[in-house]
C-alpha atoms as a PDB file:
ATOM      1  CA  MET A   1      46.757 -22.246  11.376  1.00  0.00           C
ATOM      2  CA  PHE A   2      43.717 -20.184  12.350  1.00  0.00           C
ATOM      3  CA  HIS A   3      42.627 -19.599  15.912  1.00  0.00           C
ATOM      4  CA  ARG A   4      39.282 -18.356  17.034  1.00  0.00           C
ATOM      5  CA  THR A   5      39.534 -15.587  19.514  1.00  0.00           C
ATOM      6  CA  SER A   6      37.260 -15.549  22.516  1.00  0.00           C
ATOM      7  CA  SER A   7      35.600 -12.358  21.222  1.00  0.00           C
ATOM      8  CA  VAL A   8      34.544 -14.140  18.022  1.00  0.00           C
ATOM      9  CA  ILE A   9      33.151 -17.051  19.995  1.00  0.00           C
ATOM     10  CA  THR A  10      31.416 -14.658  22.378  1.00  0.00           C
ATOM     11  CA  SER A  11      29.890 -12.584  19.583  1.00  0.00           C
ATOM     12  CA  SER A  12      28.748 -15.742  17.786  1.00  0.00           C
ATOM     13  CA  ALA A  13      27.156 -17.062  20.963  1.00  0.00           C
ATOM     14  CA  SER A  14      25.573 -13.663  21.612  1.00  0.00           C
ATOM     15  CA  PHE A  15      24.140 -13.559  18.081  1.00  0.00           C
ATOM     16  CA  SER A  16      22.812 -17.086  18.497  1.00  0.00           C
ATOM     17  CA  ALA A  17      21.221 -16.166  21.838  1.00  0.00           C
ATOM     18  CA  THR A  18      19.634 -13.078  20.275  1.00  0.00           C
ATOM     19  CA  LEU A  19      18.138 -15.198  17.471  1.00  0.00           C
ATOM     20  CA  ARG A  20      16.514 -17.418  20.092  1.00  0.00           C
ATOM     21  CA  ARG A  21      14.397 -14.586  21.502  1.00  0.00           C
ATOM     22  CA  PRO A  22      10.790 -14.743  20.329  1.00  0.00           C
ATOM     23  CA  ALA A  23      10.584 -10.946  19.897  1.00  0.00           C
ATOM     24  CA  VAL A  24      13.544 -11.003  17.502  1.00  0.00           C
ATOM     25  CA  LEU A  25      12.084 -13.923  15.560  1.00  0.00           C
ATOM     26  CA  TYR A  26       8.690 -12.213  15.288  1.00  0.00           C
ATOM     27  CA  GLY A  27      10.579  -9.092  14.153  1.00  0.00           C
ATOM     28  CA  VAL A  28      12.224 -11.046  11.326  1.00  0.00           C
ATOM     29  CA  ALA A  29       8.811 -12.375  10.259  1.00  0.00           C
ATOM     30  CA  LEU A  30       7.338  -8.868  10.329  1.00  0.00           C
ATOM     31  CA  ALA A  31      10.280  -7.492   8.316  1.00  0.00           C
ATOM     32  CA  ILE A  32       9.645 -10.077   5.563  1.00  0.00           C
ATOM     33  CA  PHE A  33       5.897  -9.401   5.724  1.00  0.00           C
ATOM     34  CA  PHE A  34       6.167  -5.595   5.517  1.00  0.00           C
ATOM     35  CA  ALA A  35       8.888  -5.600   2.824  1.00  0.00           C
ATOM     36  CA  ASP A  36       6.813  -8.011   0.736  1.00  0.00           C
ATOM     37  CA  HIS A  37       3.607  -6.033   1.232  1.00  0.00           C
ATOM     38  CA  ALA A  38       5.259  -2.677   0.451  1.00  0.00           C
ATOM     39  CA  VAL A  39       6.727  -3.867  -2.849  1.00  0.00           C
ATOM     40  CA  LYS A  40       3.538  -5.701  -3.838  1.00  0.00           C
ATOM     41  CA  PHE A  41       1.537  -2.541  -3.091  1.00  0.00           C
ATOM     42  CA  TRP A  42       3.848  -0.471  -5.304  1.00  0.00           C
ATOM     43  CA  VAL A  43       3.763  -2.995  -8.154  1.00  0.00           C
ATOM     44  CA  HIS A  44      -0.020  -3.426  -7.944  1.00  0.00           C
ATOM     45  CA  GLU A  45      -0.822   0.298  -7.702  1.00  0.00           C
ATOM     46  CA  TYR A  46       1.765   1.827 -10.035  1.00  0.00           C
ATOM     47  CA  THR A  47       2.308  -0.684 -12.824  1.00  0.00           C
ATOM     48  CA  PRO A  48      -0.252  -2.205 -15.190  1.00  0.00           C
ATOM     49  CA  TYR A  49      -0.948  -5.926 -15.121  1.00  0.00           C
ATOM     50  CA  ALA A  50       1.509  -7.830 -17.390  1.00  0.00           C
ATOM     51  CA  TRP A  51       4.029  -4.948 -17.152  1.00  0.00           C
ATOM     52  CA  SER A  52       7.654  -5.984 -17.651  1.00  0.00           C
ATOM     53  CA  GLN A  53      10.761  -3.877 -17.145  1.00  0.00           C
ATOM     54  CA  PRO A  54      14.094  -5.452 -18.129  1.00  0.00           C
ATOM     55  CA  VAL A  55      16.773  -4.792 -15.498  1.00  0.00           C
ATOM     56  CA  THR A  56      19.578  -7.014 -16.776  1.00  0.00           C
ATOM     57  CA  GLY A  57      19.983  -9.609 -19.516  1.00  0.00           C
ATOM     58  CA  PHE A  58      18.606 -12.257 -17.127  1.00  0.00           C
ATOM     59  CA  PHE A  59      16.254 -10.355 -14.775  1.00  0.00           C
ATOM     60  CA  ASN A  60      13.015  -8.385 -15.213  1.00  0.00           C
ATOM     61  CA  LEU A  61      10.666  -6.653 -12.840  1.00  0.00           C
ATOM     62  CA  VAL A  62       7.148  -7.742 -13.769  1.00  0.00           C
ATOM     63  CA  HIS A  63       3.548  -7.493 -12.626  1.00  0.00           C
ATOM     64  CA  VAL A  64       1.793 -10.857 -12.747  1.00  0.00           C
ATOM     65  CA  TRP A  65      -0.851 -12.567 -10.639  1.00  0.00           C
ATOM     66  CA  ASN A  66      -0.685 -16.101  -9.279  1.00  0.00           C
ATOM     67  CA  GLN A  67      -4.032 -17.573  -8.252  1.00  0.00           C
ATOM     68  CA  GLY A  68      -2.449 -20.915  -7.408  1.00  0.00           C
ATOM     69  CA  ALA A  69       0.423 -21.994  -5.203  1.00  0.00           C
ATOM     70  CA  ALA A  70       4.093 -22.424  -6.087  1.00  0.00           C
ATOM     71  CA  PHE A  71       4.686 -22.507  -9.847  1.00  0.00           C
ATOM     72  CA  SER A  72       0.979 -21.607 -10.331  1.00  0.00           C
ATOM     73  CA  PHE A  73      -0.093 -25.027  -9.044  1.00  0.00           C
ATOM     74  CA  LEU A  74      -3.932 -25.151  -9.172  1.00  0.00           C
ATOM     75  CA  ALA A  75      -4.124 -21.675 -10.723  1.00  0.00           C
ATOM     76  CA  ASP A  76      -6.944 -22.762 -13.040  1.00  0.00           C
ATOM     77  CA  ALA A  77      -8.908 -24.768 -10.460  1.00  0.00           C
ATOM     78  CA  GLY A  78     -12.029 -22.609 -10.563  1.00  0.00           C
ATOM     79  CA  GLY A  79     -11.649 -20.312  -7.560  1.00  0.00           C
ATOM     80  CA  TRP A  80     -11.895 -22.649  -4.558  1.00  0.00           C
ATOM     81  CA  GLN A  81      -8.095 -22.644  -4.287  1.00  0.00           C
ATOM     82  CA  ARG A  82      -8.142 -19.011  -3.073  1.00  0.00           C
ATOM     83  CA  TYR A  83      -9.870 -20.064   0.146  1.00  0.00           C
ATOM     84  CA  PHE A  84      -7.949 -23.314   0.463  1.00  0.00           C
ATOM     85  CA  PHE A  85      -4.533 -21.595   0.250  1.00  0.00           C
ATOM     86  CA  LEU A  86      -5.727 -18.793   2.531  1.00  0.00           C
ATOM     87  CA  VAL A  87      -6.762 -21.323   5.185  1.00  0.00           C
ATOM     88  CA  VAL A  88      -3.439 -23.146   4.768  1.00  0.00           C
ATOM     89  CA  ALA A  89      -1.542 -19.852   5.217  1.00  0.00           C
ATOM     90  CA  LEU A  90      -3.547 -18.990   8.341  1.00  0.00           C
ATOM     91  CA  VAL A  91      -3.157 -22.435   9.918  1.00  0.00           C
ATOM     92  CA  VAL A  92       0.579 -22.560   9.173  1.00  0.00           C
ATOM     93  CA  SER A  93       1.026 -19.007  10.466  1.00  0.00           C
ATOM     94  CA  ALA A  94      -0.844 -19.749  13.704  1.00  0.00           C
ATOM     95  CA  TRP A  95       1.233 -22.883  14.247  1.00  0.00           C
ATOM     96  CA  LEU A  96       4.485 -20.988  13.575  1.00  0.00           C
ATOM     97  CA  VAL A  97       3.534 -18.195  16.002  1.00  0.00           C
ATOM     98  CA  TRP A  98       3.013 -20.897  18.643  1.00  0.00           C
ATOM     99  CA  VAL A  99       6.269 -22.722  17.767  1.00  0.00           C
ATOM    100  CA  LEU A 100       8.329 -19.505  17.903  1.00  0.00           C
ATOM    101  CA  ARG A 101       7.291 -18.971  21.539  1.00  0.00           C
ATOM    102  CA  LYS A 102       9.259 -22.084  22.533  1.00  0.00           C
ATOM    103  CA  PRO A 103      13.041 -22.284  22.931  1.00  0.00           C
ATOM    104  CA  LEU A 104      14.549 -23.301  19.586  1.00  0.00           C
ATOM    105  CA  PRO A 105      18.015 -23.600  18.110  1.00  0.00           C
ATOM    106  CA  ALA A 106      18.856 -20.284  16.439  1.00  0.00           C
ATOM    107  CA  VAL A 107      18.820 -21.641  12.877  1.00  0.00           C
ATOM    108  CA  GLU A 108      15.433 -23.306  13.332  1.00  0.00           C
ATOM    109  CA  GLY A 109      13.965 -20.168  14.866  1.00  0.00           C
ATOM    110  CA  LEU A 110      15.242 -18.071  11.971  1.00  0.00           C
ATOM    111  CA  ALA A 111      13.891 -20.599   9.466  1.00  0.00           C
ATOM    112  CA  TYR A 112      10.439 -20.643  11.049  1.00  0.00           C
ATOM    113  CA  SER A 113      10.316 -16.852  11.212  1.00  0.00           C
ATOM    114  CA  LEU A 114      11.188 -16.550   7.500  1.00  0.00           C
ATOM    115  CA  VAL A 115       8.418 -19.008   6.616  1.00  0.00           C
ATOM    116  CA  LEU A 116       5.987 -17.145   8.904  1.00  0.00           C
ATOM    117  CA  GLY A 117       6.718 -13.800   7.224  1.00  0.00           C
ATOM    118  CA  GLY A 118       6.241 -15.344   3.791  1.00  0.00           C
ATOM    119  CA  ALA A 119       3.036 -17.163   4.729  1.00  0.00           C
ATOM    120  CA  LEU A 120       1.567 -13.950   6.159  1.00  0.00           C
ATOM    121  CA  GLY A 121       2.610 -11.951   3.079  1.00  0.00           C
ATOM    122  CA  ASN A 122       1.057 -14.303   0.564  1.00  0.00           C
ATOM    123  CA  GLY A 123      -1.926 -14.916   2.852  1.00  0.00           C
ATOM    124  CA  LEU A 124      -2.697 -11.181   2.993  1.00  0.00           C
ATOM    125  CA  ASP A 125      -2.559 -11.011  -0.806  1.00  0.00           C
ATOM    126  CA  ARG A 126      -5.031 -13.887  -1.117  1.00  0.00           C
ATOM    127  CA  ALA A 127      -7.364 -12.336   1.451  1.00  0.00           C
ATOM    128  CA  MET A 128      -7.276  -8.856  -0.133  1.00  0.00           C
ATOM    129  CA  ARG A 129      -7.041  -9.637  -3.834  1.00  0.00           C
ATOM    130  CA  GLY A 130      -7.793 -13.311  -4.364  1.00  0.00           C
ATOM    131  CA  TYR A 131      -4.351 -13.841  -5.899  1.00  0.00           C
ATOM    132  CA  VAL A 132      -0.692 -13.264  -5.109  1.00  0.00           C
ATOM    133  CA  VAL A 133       1.205 -10.463  -6.841  1.00  0.00           C
ATOM    134  CA  ASP A 134       4.547 -11.669  -8.220  1.00  0.00           C
ATOM    135  CA  PHE A 135       7.196  -9.286  -9.529  1.00  0.00           C
ATOM    136  CA  LEU A 136      10.628 -10.948  -9.793  1.00  0.00           C
ATOM    137  CA  ASP A 137      11.341 -12.689 -13.108  1.00  0.00           C
ATOM    138  CA  PHE A 138      14.643 -14.444 -13.786  1.00  0.00           C
ATOM    139  CA  HIS A 139      15.259 -15.844 -17.256  1.00  0.00           C
ATOM    140  CA  TRP A 140      17.958 -17.264 -19.484  1.00  0.00           C
ATOM    141  CA  GLN A 141      17.894 -17.694 -23.268  1.00  0.00           C
ATOM    142  CA  GLY A 142      14.102 -17.532 -23.467  1.00  0.00           C
ATOM    143  CA  TRP A 143      13.511 -19.781 -20.455  1.00  0.00           C
ATOM    144  CA  HIS A 144      11.756 -18.027 -17.541  1.00  0.00           C
ATOM    145  CA  TRP A 145      11.687 -19.243 -13.964  1.00  0.00           C
ATOM    146  CA  PRO A 146       8.168 -18.666 -12.606  1.00  0.00           C
ATOM    147  CA  ALA A 147       7.851 -15.125 -11.253  1.00  0.00           C
ATOM    148  CA  PHE A 148       7.969 -14.800  -7.470  1.00  0.00           C
ATOM    149  CA  ASN A 149       8.047 -12.263  -4.633  1.00  0.00           C
ATOM    150  CA  ILE A 150       9.694 -11.499  -1.278  1.00  0.00           C
ATOM    151  CA  ALA A 151       7.253 -13.731   0.616  1.00  0.00           C
ATOM    152  CA  ASP A 152       8.270 -16.646  -1.616  1.00  0.00           C
ATOM    153  CA  ILE A 153      11.935 -15.901  -0.914  1.00  0.00           C
ATOM    154  CA  GLY A 154      11.230 -16.034   2.829  1.00  0.00           C
ATOM    155  CA  ILE A 155       9.382 -19.348   2.534  1.00  0.00           C
ATOM    156  CA  VAL A 156      12.055 -20.969   0.354  1.00  0.00           C
ATOM    157  CA  CYS A 157      14.998 -19.689   2.419  1.00  0.00           C
ATOM    158  CA  GLY A 158      13.272 -20.800   5.621  1.00  0.00           C
ATOM    159  CA  ALA A 159      12.610 -24.262   4.188  1.00  0.00           C
ATOM    160  CA  LEU A 160      16.235 -24.541   2.998  1.00  0.00           C
ATOM    161  CA  LEU A 161      17.493 -23.534   6.446  1.00  0.00           C
ATOM    162  CA  LEU A 162      15.348 -26.272   7.990  1.00  0.00           C
ATOM    163  CA  VAL A 163      16.767 -28.851   5.582  1.00  0.00           C
ATOM    164  CA  VAL A 164      20.348 -27.688   6.225  1.00  0.00           C
ATOM    165  CA  SER A 165      19.667 -27.715   9.960  1.00  0.00           C
ATOM    166  CA  ALA A 166      18.334 -31.272   9.779  1.00  0.00           C
ATOM    167  CA  PHE A 167      21.356 -32.497   7.816  1.00  0.00           C
ATOM    168  CA  ARG A 168      23.720 -30.589  10.037  1.00  0.00           C
ATOM    169  CA  GLY A 169      22.275 -32.328  13.053  1.00  0.00           C
ATOM    170  CA  SER A 170      21.367 -29.272  15.058  1.00  0.00           C
ATOM    171  CA  GLY A 171      18.932 -31.362  17.041  1.00  0.00           C
ATOM    172  CA  SER A 172      20.087 -29.991  20.370  1.00  0.00           C
ATOM    173  CA  LYS A 173      17.175 -27.957  21.665  1.00  0.00           C
ATOM    174  CA  ALA A 174      17.795 -24.788  23.605  1.00  0.00           C
ATOM    175  CA  SER A 175      16.805 -24.952  27.219  1.00  0.00           C
END
């Protein structure tokens, strides 16, 4: 039989309280944003377009551009999508900055901050370049998952945390 000690409960509660602070949540978003931007800068400046470097039998580092959204949705739409997705990223980011100022359950706050960091990262790419730089390529037996980046990881992990939180029933709002 396992027993939780009071120190474990206290440290868990302390961690949860720390994750509820807006400054910490903004810090998580900025960490995702800066990590994404730093790697994209390196890939864009120091590797040629369409570069591919095998790392393992199922993973490559690549340099590709995505002018659309997830899975290159609307990539060939004629150019208007650059501005559309940039506006979406800005509106979502502004809304998330506002939401993160309110008391939230720790998991929801973390989820929103991950999405915010990813939205800002991909939004900056669209504003600066007109496309998003992707560099992570997983594959298996000739089948490649669409390339992605750190901003995409933040968005997907944040969305998954929100889904898990909803199913888990963490509807009790912090006061």
